[in-house]
Amino acid sequence: MLIGGAAREAAILGFHITPLFSYYAYHGPIFRVMVQLHNGKQDGISNYGFICHCKSCGQSRTFGFDELGQITCGCADKIDPDSITVVGPLWTGPLHDTTFLTEMLSLATEWGWANTIENGVSLEKLLDTMIEESDSRLPPGYIRLDEIASRAKVNSPPLGTLINSLRKEGYAACRSHIGANAIKTNCPIECCLDVAQEIRNLR
């Protein structure tokens, strides 16, 4: 919502934005965003829309303004239409800029800040995670491992193992800096469950 508000206000004034760095910490909670302001409006509003989450199957999707009134989930149509939750309008594009974060990490290393630890996480690890999160293939939001485990009816798979398995299947996947027990991936929830079950069978 924070980035979406900035994007909306910028558009009103004839500008557009690029998020360079977006940080969330549950202590507070704290939301911090650094954006770059550009002259001129962007064509279209592809990164400003709505997120739909289906409580029946667990799948989340993004929708644009032109799709309002047509937001559905295949499983919810057959099971429970009331299971769909829609939030927005909000920013649905990348939270970070890869080049900017890479430069931040380089400077942090040069200045001796990379090993600084806050809330049990080093600055280097945090920035590495954010660099992975900046993959343009990744959708907004994240999936908690306990939700995957619950839906797949298995014990929670090791986070690193799940990420590597999803990548081997050709999907983008990484840790989420927002939650220690969560991942970001463009893999459909059904496939995530299949992968989690396969990991269980191999252990």
N, C-alpha and C. Protein backbone atom coordinates (compact mmCIF):
# COMPACT_ATOMS: atom_id res chain seq x y z
N MET A 1 0.83 -1.20 0.00
CA MET A 1 0.00 0.00 0.00
C MET A 1 0.87 1.26 0.00
N LEU A 2 2.01 1.21 0.71
CA LEU A 2 2.88 2.38 0.81
C LEU A 2 3.44 2.76 -0.56
N ILE A 3 3.99 1.77 -1.28
CA ILE A 3 4.54 2.06 -2.61
C ILE A 3 3.41 2.44 -3.57
N GLY A 4 2.28 1.76 -3.44
CA GLY A 4 1.14 2.08 -4.30
C GLY A 4 0.68 3.51 -4.12
N GLY A 5 0.67 3.98 -2.86
CA GLY A 5 0.29 5.36 -2.59
C GLY A 5 1.26 6.33 -3.22
N ALA A 6 2.56 6.01 -3.13
CA ALA A 6 3.58 6.87 -3.75
C ALA A 6 3.42 6.89 -5.26
N ALA A 7 3.14 5.72 -5.85
CA ALA A 7 2.96 5.64 -7.30
C ALA A 7 1.74 6.45 -7.74
N ARG A 8 0.67 6.37 -6.96
CA ARG A 8 -0.55 7.10 -7.30
C ARG A 8 -0.33 8.61 -7.22
N GLU A 9 0.31 9.07 -6.14
CA GLU A 9 0.55 10.50 -5.99
C GLU A 9 1.50 11.02 -7.06
N ALA A 10 2.51 10.20 -7.39
CA ALA A 10 3.45 10.61 -8.44
C ALA A 10 2.73 10.76 -9.77
N ALA A 11 1.83 9.83 -10.08
CA ALA A 11 1.10 9.88 -11.34
C ALA A 11 0.23 11.13 -11.43
N ILE A 12 -0.38 11.50 -10.30
CA ILE A 12 -1.22 12.70 -10.28
C ILE A 12 -0.41 13.94 -10.64
N LEU A 13 0.86 13.95 -10.21
CA LEU A 13 1.73 15.10 -10.45
C LEU A 13 2.52 14.99 -11.76
N GLY A 14 2.26 13.92 -12.52
CA GLY A 14 2.92 13.78 -13.81
C GLY A 14 4.26 13.07 -13.76
N PHE A 15 4.47 12.25 -12.72
CA PHE A 15 5.72 11.50 -12.58
C PHE A 15 5.42 10.00 -12.49
N HIS A 16 6.47 9.21 -12.44
CA HIS A 16 6.33 7.80 -12.10
C HIS A 16 7.53 7.38 -11.26
N ILE A 17 7.41 6.26 -10.57
CA ILE A 17 8.43 5.86 -9.62
C ILE A 17 9.01 4.48 -9.94
N THR A 18 10.21 4.25 -9.42
CA THR A 18 10.83 2.93 -9.41
C THR A 18 11.26 2.63 -7.98
N PRO A 19 10.72 1.59 -7.35
CA PRO A 19 11.19 1.23 -6.01
C PRO A 19 12.64 0.74 -6.08
N LEU A 20 13.50 1.30 -5.25
CA LEU A 20 14.90 0.89 -5.21
C LEU A 20 15.17 -0.07 -4.06
N PHE A 21 14.44 0.14 -2.97
CA PHE A 21 14.72 -0.61 -1.73
C PHE A 21 13.46 -0.58 -0.88
N SER A 22 12.97 -1.74 -0.49
CA SER A 22 11.76 -1.82 0.34
C SER A 22 12.05 -2.77 1.50
N TYR A 23 11.81 -2.29 2.70
CA TYR A 23 12.18 -3.07 3.89
C TYR A 23 11.01 -3.15 4.86
N TYR A 24 10.80 -4.35 5.39
CA TYR A 24 9.78 -4.54 6.42
C TYR A 24 10.41 -5.27 7.60
N ALA A 25 10.10 -4.81 8.80
CA ALA A 25 10.50 -5.50 10.02
C ALA A 25 9.30 -5.56 10.94
N TYR A 26 9.04 -6.75 11.50
CA TYR A 26 7.85 -6.91 12.32
C TYR A 26 7.96 -6.17 13.65
N HIS A 27 9.18 -5.79 14.06
CA HIS A 27 9.32 -4.99 15.29
C HIS A 27 8.80 -3.59 14.99
N GLY A 28 7.69 -3.25 15.51
CA GLY A 28 7.12 -1.92 15.26
C GLY A 28 5.66 -1.98 14.85
N PRO A 29 5.29 -2.49 13.68
CA PRO A 29 6.16 -2.90 12.57
C PRO A 29 6.76 -1.69 11.85
N ILE A 30 7.80 -1.94 11.07
CA ILE A 30 8.51 -0.88 10.36
C ILE A 30 8.39 -1.11 8.85
N PHE A 31 7.99 -0.08 8.14
CA PHE A 31 7.96 -0.12 6.68
C PHE A 31 8.85 1.01 6.17
N ARG A 32 9.84 0.67 5.36
CA ARG A 32 10.72 1.70 4.79
C ARG A 32 10.86 1.46 3.30
N VAL A 33 10.72 2.51 2.53
CA VAL A 33 10.80 2.40 1.08
C VAL A 33 11.63 3.56 0.53
N MET A 34 12.51 3.24 -0.41
CA MET A 34 13.23 4.27 -1.15
C MET A 34 12.83 4.13 -2.61
N VAL A 35 12.33 5.21 -3.19
CA VAL A 35 11.91 5.16 -4.59
C VAL A 35 12.65 6.23 -5.38
N GLN A 36 12.79 5.97 -6.66
CA GLN A 36 13.36 6.95 -7.57
C GLN A 36 12.23 7.58 -8.36
N LEU A 37 12.22 8.90 -8.41
CA LEU A 37 11.16 9.63 -9.09
C LEU A 37 11.61 9.98 -10.51
N HIS A 38 10.74 9.69 -11.48
CA HIS A 38 11.06 9.95 -12.88
C HIS A 38 10.05 10.93 -13.47
N ASN A 39 10.51 11.76 -14.38
CA ASN A 39 9.61 12.66 -15.09
C ASN A 39 8.70 11.88 -16.02
N GLY A 40 7.47 12.34 -16.11
CA GLY A 40 6.53 11.75 -17.06
C GLY A 40 5.78 10.56 -16.50
N LYS A 41 4.55 10.41 -16.94
CA LYS A 41 3.75 9.26 -16.52
C LYS A 41 4.14 8.04 -17.34
N GLN A 42 4.04 6.88 -16.71
CA GLN A 42 4.27 5.64 -17.43
C GLN A 42 3.05 5.29 -18.25
N ASP A 43 3.28 4.61 -19.37
CA ASP A 43 2.15 4.11 -20.15
C ASP A 43 1.54 2.92 -19.41
N GLY A 44 0.25 2.99 -19.18
CA GLY A 44 -0.42 1.88 -18.52
C GLY A 44 -0.20 1.89 -17.01
N ILE A 45 -0.86 0.96 -16.33
CA ILE A 45 -0.76 0.86 -14.88
C ILE A 45 -0.53 -0.61 -14.51
N SER A 46 0.41 -1.22 -15.21
CA SER A 46 0.62 -2.66 -15.05
C SER A 46 1.10 -3.05 -13.66
N ASN A 47 1.75 -2.13 -12.95
CA ASN A 47 2.27 -2.45 -11.61
C ASN A 47 1.40 -1.89 -10.49
N TYR A 48 0.19 -1.51 -10.82
CA TYR A 48 -0.72 -0.95 -9.81
C TYR A 48 -2.07 -1.61 -10.00
N GLY A 49 -2.45 -2.46 -9.05
CA GLY A 49 -3.69 -3.20 -9.23
C GLY A 49 -4.14 -3.88 -7.96
N PHE A 50 -4.57 -5.12 -8.09
CA PHE A 50 -5.19 -5.84 -6.98
C PHE A 50 -4.58 -7.23 -6.85
N ILE A 51 -4.59 -7.74 -5.63
CA ILE A 51 -4.14 -9.11 -5.37
C ILE A 51 -5.33 -9.90 -4.86
N CYS A 52 -5.56 -11.03 -5.48
CA CYS A 52 -6.65 -11.93 -5.08
C CYS A 52 -6.04 -13.17 -4.43
N HIS A 53 -6.55 -13.53 -3.26
CA HIS A 53 -6.09 -14.75 -2.59
C HIS A 53 -7.29 -15.66 -2.36
N CYS A 54 -7.13 -16.91 -2.75
CA CYS A 54 -8.19 -17.90 -2.57
C CYS A 54 -7.89 -18.75 -1.34
N LYS A 55 -8.76 -18.67 -0.36
CA LYS A 55 -8.55 -19.44 0.87
C LYS A 55 -8.80 -20.93 0.66
N SER A 56 -9.53 -21.28 -0.38
CA SER A 56 -9.81 -22.69 -0.64
C SER A 56 -8.58 -23.43 -1.13
N CYS A 57 -7.88 -22.85 -2.12
CA CYS A 57 -6.72 -23.55 -2.69
C CYS A 57 -5.39 -22.93 -2.28
N GLY A 58 -5.41 -21.67 -1.80
CA GLY A 58 -4.18 -21.02 -1.37
C GLY A 58 -3.47 -20.23 -2.45
N GLN A 59 -4.03 -20.19 -3.66
CA GLN A 59 -3.38 -19.49 -4.77
C GLN A 59 -3.64 -17.99 -4.69
N SER A 60 -2.62 -17.20 -5.02
CA SER A 60 -2.77 -15.74 -5.12
C SER A 60 -2.48 -15.32 -6.55
N ARG A 61 -3.19 -14.29 -7.00
CA ARG A 61 -2.99 -13.78 -8.36
C ARG A 61 -3.15 -12.27 -8.35
N THR A 62 -2.58 -11.62 -9.36
CA THR A 62 -2.74 -10.18 -9.50
C THR A 62 -3.73 -9.88 -10.62
N PHE A 63 -4.46 -8.78 -10.46
CA PHE A 63 -5.44 -8.36 -11.44
C PHE A 63 -5.34 -6.86 -11.64
N GLY A 64 -5.64 -6.41 -12.85
CA GLY A 64 -5.65 -4.99 -13.15
C GLY A 64 -7.02 -4.38 -12.96
N PHE A 65 -7.09 -3.05 -13.09
CA PHE A 65 -8.36 -2.35 -12.93
C PHE A 65 -9.39 -2.81 -13.95
N ASP A 66 -8.92 -3.15 -15.15
CA ASP A 66 -9.85 -3.55 -16.20
C ASP A 66 -10.46 -4.92 -15.94
N GLU A 67 -9.95 -5.62 -14.92
CA GLU A 67 -10.48 -6.95 -14.61
C GLU A 67 -11.37 -6.96 -13.38
N LEU A 68 -11.58 -5.79 -12.78
CA LEU A 68 -12.47 -5.72 -11.63
C LEU A 68 -13.87 -6.21 -12.02
N GLY A 69 -14.47 -6.98 -11.15
CA GLY A 69 -15.76 -7.56 -11.45
C GLY A 69 -15.65 -8.91 -12.14
N GLN A 70 -14.43 -9.27 -12.54
CA GLN A 70 -14.21 -10.56 -13.21
C GLN A 70 -13.21 -11.42 -12.44
N ILE A 71 -12.89 -11.01 -11.21
CA ILE A 71 -11.88 -11.72 -10.42
C ILE A 71 -12.46 -13.02 -9.88
N THR A 72 -11.87 -14.11 -10.30
CA THR A 72 -12.33 -15.43 -9.86
C THR A 72 -11.13 -16.35 -9.66
N CYS A 73 -11.40 -17.49 -9.06
CA CYS A 73 -10.41 -18.56 -8.96
C CYS A 73 -11.11 -19.83 -9.43
N GLY A 74 -10.48 -20.58 -10.27
CA GLY A 74 -11.10 -21.78 -10.82
C GLY A 74 -11.67 -22.71 -9.77
N CYS A 75 -10.93 -22.90 -8.68
CA CYS A 75 -11.42 -23.82 -7.65
C CYS A 75 -12.56 -23.19 -6.87
N ALA A 76 -12.48 -21.88 -6.63
CA ALA A 76 -13.52 -21.22 -5.83
C ALA A 76 -14.85 -21.20 -6.56
N ASP A 77 -14.80 -21.16 -7.90
CA ASP A 77 -16.04 -21.18 -8.67
C ASP A 77 -16.82 -22.46 -8.38
N LYS A 78 -16.08 -23.53 -8.11
CA LYS A 78 -16.73 -24.83 -7.91
C LYS A 78 -16.98 -25.13 -6.43
N ILE A 79 -16.20 -24.49 -5.56
CA ILE A 79 -16.29 -24.85 -4.14
C ILE A 79 -17.00 -23.78 -3.32
N ASP A 80 -16.39 -22.60 -3.22
CA ASP A 80 -16.94 -21.56 -2.36
C ASP A 80 -16.51 -20.19 -2.87
N PRO A 81 -17.37 -19.52 -3.61
CA PRO A 81 -17.02 -18.20 -4.14
C PRO A 81 -16.62 -17.20 -3.06
N ASP A 82 -17.12 -17.39 -1.83
CA ASP A 82 -16.81 -16.46 -0.75
C ASP A 82 -15.39 -16.64 -0.22
N SER A 83 -14.67 -17.63 -0.73
CA SER A 83 -13.31 -17.87 -0.24
C SER A 83 -12.31 -16.89 -0.84
N ILE A 84 -12.74 -16.09 -1.80
CA ILE A 84 -11.83 -15.16 -2.47
C ILE A 84 -11.74 -13.85 -1.69
N THR A 85 -10.51 -13.43 -1.40
CA THR A 85 -10.24 -12.15 -0.76
C THR A 85 -9.46 -11.28 -1.74
N VAL A 86 -9.91 -10.05 -1.93
CA VAL A 86 -9.24 -9.13 -2.84
C VAL A 86 -8.75 -7.92 -2.05
N VAL A 87 -7.48 -7.57 -2.24
CA VAL A 87 -6.92 -6.38 -1.59
C VAL A 87 -6.37 -5.44 -2.66
N GLY A 88 -6.42 -4.15 -2.36
CA GLY A 88 -5.90 -3.17 -3.30
C GLY A 88 -6.84 -1.97 -3.41
N PRO A 89 -6.48 -1.03 -4.28
CA PRO A 89 -5.34 -1.09 -5.20
C PRO A 89 -4.01 -0.89 -4.47
N LEU A 90 -2.99 -1.55 -4.98
CA LEU A 90 -1.66 -1.46 -4.40
C LEU A 90 -0.60 -1.76 -5.46
N TRP A 91 0.65 -1.59 -5.07
CA TRP A 91 1.77 -1.84 -5.98
C TRP A 91 1.95 -3.34 -6.14
N THR A 92 1.99 -3.82 -7.37
CA THR A 92 2.16 -5.25 -7.62
C THR A 92 3.47 -5.56 -8.36
N GLY A 93 4.31 -4.55 -8.53
CA GLY A 93 5.57 -4.73 -9.24
C GLY A 93 6.71 -5.08 -8.29
N PRO A 94 7.94 -5.07 -8.80
CA PRO A 94 9.12 -5.40 -7.98
C PRO A 94 9.27 -4.44 -6.80
N LEU A 95 9.75 -4.99 -5.68
CA LEU A 95 9.96 -4.18 -4.47
C LEU A 95 11.34 -3.53 -4.45
N HIS A 96 12.27 -4.08 -5.21
CA HIS A 96 13.64 -3.60 -5.18
C HIS A 96 14.20 -3.47 -6.59
N ASP A 97 15.32 -2.76 -6.69
CA ASP A 97 16.06 -2.66 -7.94
C ASP A 97 17.38 -3.42 -7.77
N THR A 98 17.61 -4.42 -8.61
CA THR A 98 18.77 -5.30 -8.45
C THR A 98 20.09 -4.53 -8.48
N THR A 99 20.23 -3.64 -9.45
CA THR A 99 21.49 -2.89 -9.59
C THR A 99 21.75 -2.03 -8.36
N PHE A 100 20.72 -1.36 -7.88
CA PHE A 100 20.87 -0.50 -6.71
C PHE A 100 21.28 -1.31 -5.48
N LEU A 101 20.63 -2.46 -5.27
CA LEU A 101 20.96 -3.29 -4.11
C LEU A 101 22.36 -3.88 -4.21
N THR A 102 22.76 -4.25 -5.42
CA THR A 102 24.11 -4.78 -5.62
C THR A 102 25.15 -3.73 -5.26
N GLU A 103 24.88 -2.48 -5.64
CA GLU A 103 25.79 -1.39 -5.30
C GLU A 103 25.79 -1.14 -3.79
N MET A 104 24.62 -1.26 -3.16
CA MET A 104 24.54 -1.11 -1.70
C MET A 104 25.40 -2.15 -1.00
N LEU A 105 25.30 -3.40 -1.47
CA LEU A 105 26.08 -4.48 -0.86
C LEU A 105 27.58 -4.26 -1.06
N SER A 106 27.95 -3.78 -2.24
CA SER A 106 29.36 -3.52 -2.52
C SER A 106 29.90 -2.44 -1.58
N LEU A 107 29.12 -1.37 -1.39
CA LEU A 107 29.55 -0.30 -0.50
C LEU A 107 29.59 -0.78 0.96
N ALA A 108 28.59 -1.58 1.35
CA ALA A 108 28.56 -2.09 2.72
C ALA A 108 29.79 -2.95 3.01
N THR A 109 30.20 -3.72 2.02
CA THR A 109 31.40 -4.55 2.17
C THR A 109 32.65 -3.68 2.24
N GLU A 110 32.70 -2.68 1.36
CA GLU A 110 33.86 -1.78 1.32
C GLU A 110 34.01 -1.00 2.62
N TRP A 111 32.89 -0.59 3.20
CA TRP A 111 32.93 0.22 4.42
C TRP A 111 32.94 -0.61 5.70
N GLY A 112 32.93 -1.94 5.56
CA GLY A 112 32.98 -2.80 6.73
C GLY A 112 31.66 -2.96 7.46
N TRP A 113 30.56 -2.71 6.77
CA TRP A 113 29.24 -2.81 7.39
C TRP A 113 28.54 -4.14 7.11
N ALA A 114 29.07 -4.94 6.20
CA ALA A 114 28.35 -6.12 5.72
C ALA A 114 28.02 -7.11 6.84
N ASN A 115 28.87 -7.18 7.84
CA ASN A 115 28.65 -8.15 8.93
C ASN A 115 27.87 -7.56 10.10
N THR A 116 27.39 -6.33 9.94
CA THR A 116 26.55 -5.72 10.98
C THR A 116 25.28 -6.56 11.14
N ILE A 117 24.93 -6.88 12.38
CA ILE A 117 23.78 -7.74 12.63
C ILE A 117 22.66 -6.95 13.30
N GLU A 118 21.47 -7.08 12.76
CA GLU A 118 20.27 -6.45 13.32
C GLU A 118 19.17 -7.50 13.33
N ASN A 119 18.54 -7.69 14.49
CA ASN A 119 17.48 -8.69 14.64
C ASN A 119 17.95 -10.09 14.22
N GLY A 120 19.23 -10.38 14.48
CA GLY A 120 19.75 -11.71 14.20
C GLY A 120 20.14 -11.96 12.76
N VAL A 121 20.07 -10.94 11.91
CA VAL A 121 20.39 -11.11 10.49
C VAL A 121 21.46 -10.10 10.10
N SER A 122 22.50 -10.58 9.42
CA SER A 122 23.56 -9.67 8.99
C SER A 122 23.07 -8.83 7.81
N LEU A 123 23.67 -7.66 7.66
CA LEU A 123 23.31 -6.78 6.54
C LEU A 123 23.58 -7.48 5.21
N GLU A 124 24.69 -8.22 5.15
CA GLU A 124 25.02 -8.93 3.91
C GLU A 124 23.93 -9.93 3.54
N LYS A 125 23.48 -10.71 4.52
CA LYS A 125 22.44 -11.71 4.25
C LYS A 125 21.13 -11.04 3.85
N LEU A 126 20.79 -9.94 4.52
CA LEU A 126 19.55 -9.22 4.20
C LEU A 126 19.58 -8.71 2.76
N LEU A 127 20.69 -8.08 2.38
CA LEU A 127 20.79 -7.53 1.02
C LEU A 127 20.84 -8.64 -0.02
N ASP A 128 21.51 -9.75 0.30
CA ASP A 128 21.52 -10.89 -0.62
C ASP A 128 20.10 -11.40 -0.86
N THR A 129 19.32 -11.48 0.22
CA THR A 129 17.93 -11.93 0.09
C THR A 129 17.12 -10.96 -0.76
N MET A 130 17.31 -9.67 -0.53
CA MET A 130 16.58 -8.67 -1.29
C MET A 130 16.96 -8.68 -2.77
N ILE A 131 18.23 -8.95 -3.05
CA ILE A 131 18.67 -9.05 -4.44
C ILE A 131 17.94 -10.21 -5.13
N GLU A 132 17.80 -11.32 -4.42
CA GLU A 132 17.05 -12.44 -4.99
C GLU A 132 15.57 -12.09 -5.15
N GLU A 133 15.03 -11.33 -4.19
CA GLU A 133 13.62 -10.92 -4.26
C GLU A 133 13.34 -10.00 -5.45
N SER A 134 14.37 -9.34 -5.95
CA SER A 134 14.17 -8.37 -7.03
C SER A 134 14.01 -9.02 -8.40
N ASP A 135 14.03 -10.35 -8.45
CA ASP A 135 13.79 -11.09 -9.69
C ASP A 135 12.41 -10.70 -10.24
N SER A 136 12.39 -10.17 -11.45
CA SER A 136 11.14 -9.67 -12.03
C SER A 136 10.11 -10.77 -12.28
N ARG A 137 10.53 -12.02 -12.24
CA ARG A 137 9.58 -13.13 -12.45
C ARG A 137 8.74 -13.40 -11.21
N LEU A 138 9.18 -12.91 -10.06
CA LEU A 138 8.49 -13.21 -8.81
C LEU A 138 7.25 -12.33 -8.63
N PRO A 139 6.14 -12.91 -8.22
CA PRO A 139 4.93 -12.13 -7.97
C PRO A 139 5.01 -11.44 -6.61
N PRO A 140 4.09 -10.53 -6.33
CA PRO A 140 4.06 -9.93 -4.99
C PRO A 140 3.63 -10.97 -3.96
N GLY A 141 3.98 -10.71 -2.71
CA GLY A 141 3.57 -11.61 -1.65
C GLY A 141 4.54 -12.76 -1.44
N TYR A 142 4.17 -13.64 -0.54
CA TYR A 142 5.01 -14.78 -0.19
C TYR A 142 4.12 -15.91 0.32
N ILE A 143 4.73 -17.09 0.47
CA ILE A 143 4.01 -18.25 0.98
C ILE A 143 4.76 -18.77 2.20
N ARG A 144 4.05 -18.98 3.29
CA ARG A 144 4.68 -19.53 4.49
C ARG A 144 4.81 -21.05 4.37
N LEU A 145 5.92 -21.55 4.88
CA LEU A 145 6.15 -22.99 4.81
C LEU A 145 5.08 -23.78 5.56
N ASP A 146 4.59 -23.22 6.67
CA ASP A 146 3.59 -23.97 7.43
C ASP A 146 2.28 -24.10 6.65
N GLU A 147 1.97 -23.13 5.79
CA GLU A 147 0.78 -23.26 4.96
C GLU A 147 0.98 -24.33 3.90
N ILE A 148 2.17 -24.35 3.29
CA ILE A 148 2.47 -25.40 2.30
C ILE A 148 2.39 -26.77 2.95
N ALA A 149 3.00 -26.90 4.14
CA ALA A 149 3.00 -28.18 4.84
C ALA A 149 1.59 -28.62 5.21
N SER A 150 0.78 -27.67 5.67
CA SER A 150 -0.58 -27.99 6.07
C SER A 150 -1.41 -28.46 4.88
N ARG A 151 -1.29 -27.76 3.77
CA ARG A 151 -2.08 -28.13 2.59
C ARG A 151 -1.58 -29.43 1.95
N ALA A 152 -0.26 -29.66 2.03
CA ALA A 152 0.32 -30.88 1.44
C ALA A 152 0.23 -32.06 2.40
N LYS A 153 -0.16 -31.76 3.67
CA LYS A 153 -0.27 -32.79 4.70
C LYS A 153 1.07 -33.50 4.93
N VAL A 154 2.12 -32.67 5.06
CA VAL A 154 3.46 -33.18 5.36
C VAL A 154 4.09 -32.27 6.40
N ASN A 155 5.21 -32.71 6.97
CA ASN A 155 5.98 -31.82 7.83
C ASN A 155 6.61 -30.73 6.98
N SER A 156 6.86 -29.58 7.57
CA SER A 156 7.45 -28.47 6.81
C SER A 156 8.79 -28.91 6.21
N PRO A 157 8.94 -28.78 4.90
CA PRO A 157 10.22 -29.14 4.28
C PRO A 157 11.27 -28.09 4.63
N PRO A 158 12.55 -28.47 4.64
CA PRO A 158 13.60 -27.46 4.85
C PRO A 158 13.49 -26.36 3.80
N LEU A 159 13.58 -25.13 4.24
CA LEU A 159 13.36 -24.00 3.34
C LEU A 159 14.31 -24.04 2.15
N GLY A 160 15.59 -24.26 2.41
CA GLY A 160 16.57 -24.30 1.32
C GLY A 160 16.31 -25.43 0.34
N THR A 161 15.90 -26.57 0.87
CA THR A 161 15.60 -27.72 0.01
C THR A 161 14.41 -27.43 -0.90
N LEU A 162 13.38 -26.81 -0.35
CA LEU A 162 12.20 -26.47 -1.14
C LEU A 162 12.55 -25.48 -2.25
N ILE A 163 13.32 -24.45 -1.90
CA ILE A 163 13.72 -23.45 -2.90
C ILE A 163 14.52 -24.10 -4.02
N ASN A 164 15.49 -24.92 -3.67
CA ASN A 164 16.31 -25.58 -4.69
C ASN A 164 15.47 -26.52 -5.56
N SER A 165 14.52 -27.20 -4.96
CA SER A 165 13.66 -28.11 -5.72
C SER A 165 12.78 -27.35 -6.70
N LEU A 166 12.25 -26.21 -6.26
CA LEU A 166 11.42 -25.39 -7.15
C LEU A 166 12.25 -24.84 -8.31
N ARG A 167 13.48 -24.44 -8.02
CA ARG A 167 14.35 -23.94 -9.08
C ARG A 167 14.68 -25.03 -10.09
N LYS A 168 14.87 -26.26 -9.62
CA LYS A 168 15.15 -27.37 -10.52
C LYS A 168 13.96 -27.64 -11.44
N GLU A 169 12.76 -27.30 -10.97
CA GLU A 169 11.56 -27.46 -11.79
C GLU A 169 11.37 -26.30 -12.76
N GLY A 170 12.28 -25.33 -12.71
CA GLY A 170 12.22 -24.21 -13.65
C GLY A 170 11.54 -22.96 -13.13
N TYR A 171 11.18 -22.96 -11.84
CA TYR A 171 10.50 -21.80 -11.27
C TYR A 171 11.49 -20.86 -10.59
N ALA A 172 11.11 -19.60 -10.48
CA ALA A 172 11.88 -18.65 -9.67
C ALA A 172 11.46 -18.85 -8.22
N ALA A 173 12.42 -18.86 -7.32
CA ALA A 173 12.10 -19.05 -5.91
C ALA A 173 13.24 -18.50 -5.06
N CYS A 174 12.88 -17.92 -3.92
CA CYS A 174 13.90 -17.40 -3.00
C CYS A 174 13.27 -17.23 -1.62
N ARG A 175 14.12 -16.94 -0.66
CA ARG A 175 13.63 -16.60 0.68
C ARG A 175 12.92 -15.25 0.63
N SER A 176 12.06 -15.01 1.61
CA SER A 176 11.44 -13.70 1.77
C SER A 176 12.09 -12.99 2.94
N HIS A 177 12.47 -11.73 2.75
CA HIS A 177 13.07 -11.00 3.87
C HIS A 177 12.01 -10.64 4.91
N ILE A 178 10.75 -10.75 4.54
CA ILE A 178 9.67 -10.38 5.44
C ILE A 178 9.44 -11.44 6.51
N GLY A 179 9.59 -12.71 6.14
CA GLY A 179 9.37 -13.79 7.10
C GLY A 179 10.46 -14.84 6.99
N ALA A 180 11.01 -15.25 8.13
CA ALA A 180 12.09 -16.24 8.12
C ALA A 180 11.62 -17.60 7.63
N ASN A 181 10.33 -17.85 7.73
CA ASN A 181 9.78 -19.16 7.36
C ASN A 181 8.88 -19.04 6.13
N ALA A 182 9.31 -18.20 5.18
CA ALA A 182 8.47 -17.95 4.00
C ALA A 182 9.33 -17.86 2.75
N ILE A 183 8.69 -18.15 1.62
CA ILE A 183 9.38 -18.06 0.33
C ILE A 183 8.56 -17.22 -0.64
N LYS A 184 9.24 -16.71 -1.65
CA LYS A 184 8.59 -16.07 -2.78
C LYS A 184 8.84 -16.97 -3.99
N THR A 185 7.80 -17.21 -4.77
CA THR A 185 7.96 -18.05 -5.95
C THR A 185 6.84 -17.79 -6.94
N ASN A 186 7.15 -18.04 -8.21
CA ASN A 186 6.11 -17.95 -9.24
C ASN A 186 5.50 -19.32 -9.53
N CYS A 187 5.83 -20.28 -8.69
CA CYS A 187 5.28 -21.63 -8.84
C CYS A 187 3.83 -21.65 -8.33
N PRO A 188 2.89 -22.19 -9.10
CA PRO A 188 1.51 -22.31 -8.61
C PRO A 188 1.47 -23.13 -7.33
N ILE A 189 0.52 -22.83 -6.48
CA ILE A 189 0.46 -23.50 -5.18
C ILE A 189 0.32 -25.01 -5.32
N GLU A 190 -0.41 -25.46 -6.34
CA GLU A 190 -0.58 -26.91 -6.51
C GLU A 190 0.77 -27.59 -6.74
N CYS A 191 1.63 -26.95 -7.53
CA CYS A 191 2.95 -27.53 -7.80
C CYS A 191 3.84 -27.46 -6.56
N CYS A 192 3.69 -26.39 -5.77
CA CYS A 192 4.44 -26.29 -4.51
C CYS A 192 4.10 -27.47 -3.60
N LEU A 193 2.83 -27.82 -3.56
CA LEU A 193 2.41 -28.94 -2.71
C LEU A 193 2.99 -30.25 -3.23
N ASP A 194 3.00 -30.42 -4.55
CA ASP A 194 3.57 -31.63 -5.14
C ASP A 194 5.06 -31.75 -4.80
N VAL A 195 5.77 -30.62 -4.91
CA VAL A 195 7.21 -30.63 -4.62
C VAL A 195 7.45 -30.94 -3.15
N ALA A 196 6.63 -30.36 -2.27
CA ALA A 196 6.77 -30.63 -0.83
C ALA A 196 6.55 -32.11 -0.52
N GLN A 197 5.58 -32.71 -1.20
CA GLN A 197 5.32 -34.14 -0.99
C GLN A 197 6.47 -34.99 -1.53
N GLU A 198 7.04 -34.58 -2.65
CA GLU A 198 8.18 -35.31 -3.21
C GLU A 198 9.38 -35.25 -2.26
N ILE A 199 9.59 -34.08 -1.65
CA ILE A 199 10.69 -33.94 -0.69
C ILE A 199 10.46 -34.87 0.49
N ARG A 200 9.21 -34.96 0.95
CA ARG A 200 8.89 -35.86 2.07
C ARG A 200 9.20 -37.31 1.69
N ASN A 201 8.88 -37.69 0.47
CA ASN A 201 9.09 -39.07 0.04
C ASN A 201 10.57 -39.43 -0.09
N LEU A 202 11.41 -38.40 -0.32
CA LEU A 202 12.83 -38.64 -0.48
C LEU A 202 13.58 -38.70 0.84
N ARG A 203 12.95 -38.24 1.90
CA ARG A 203 13.64 -38.16 3.20
C ARG A 203 13.52 -39.46 3.96
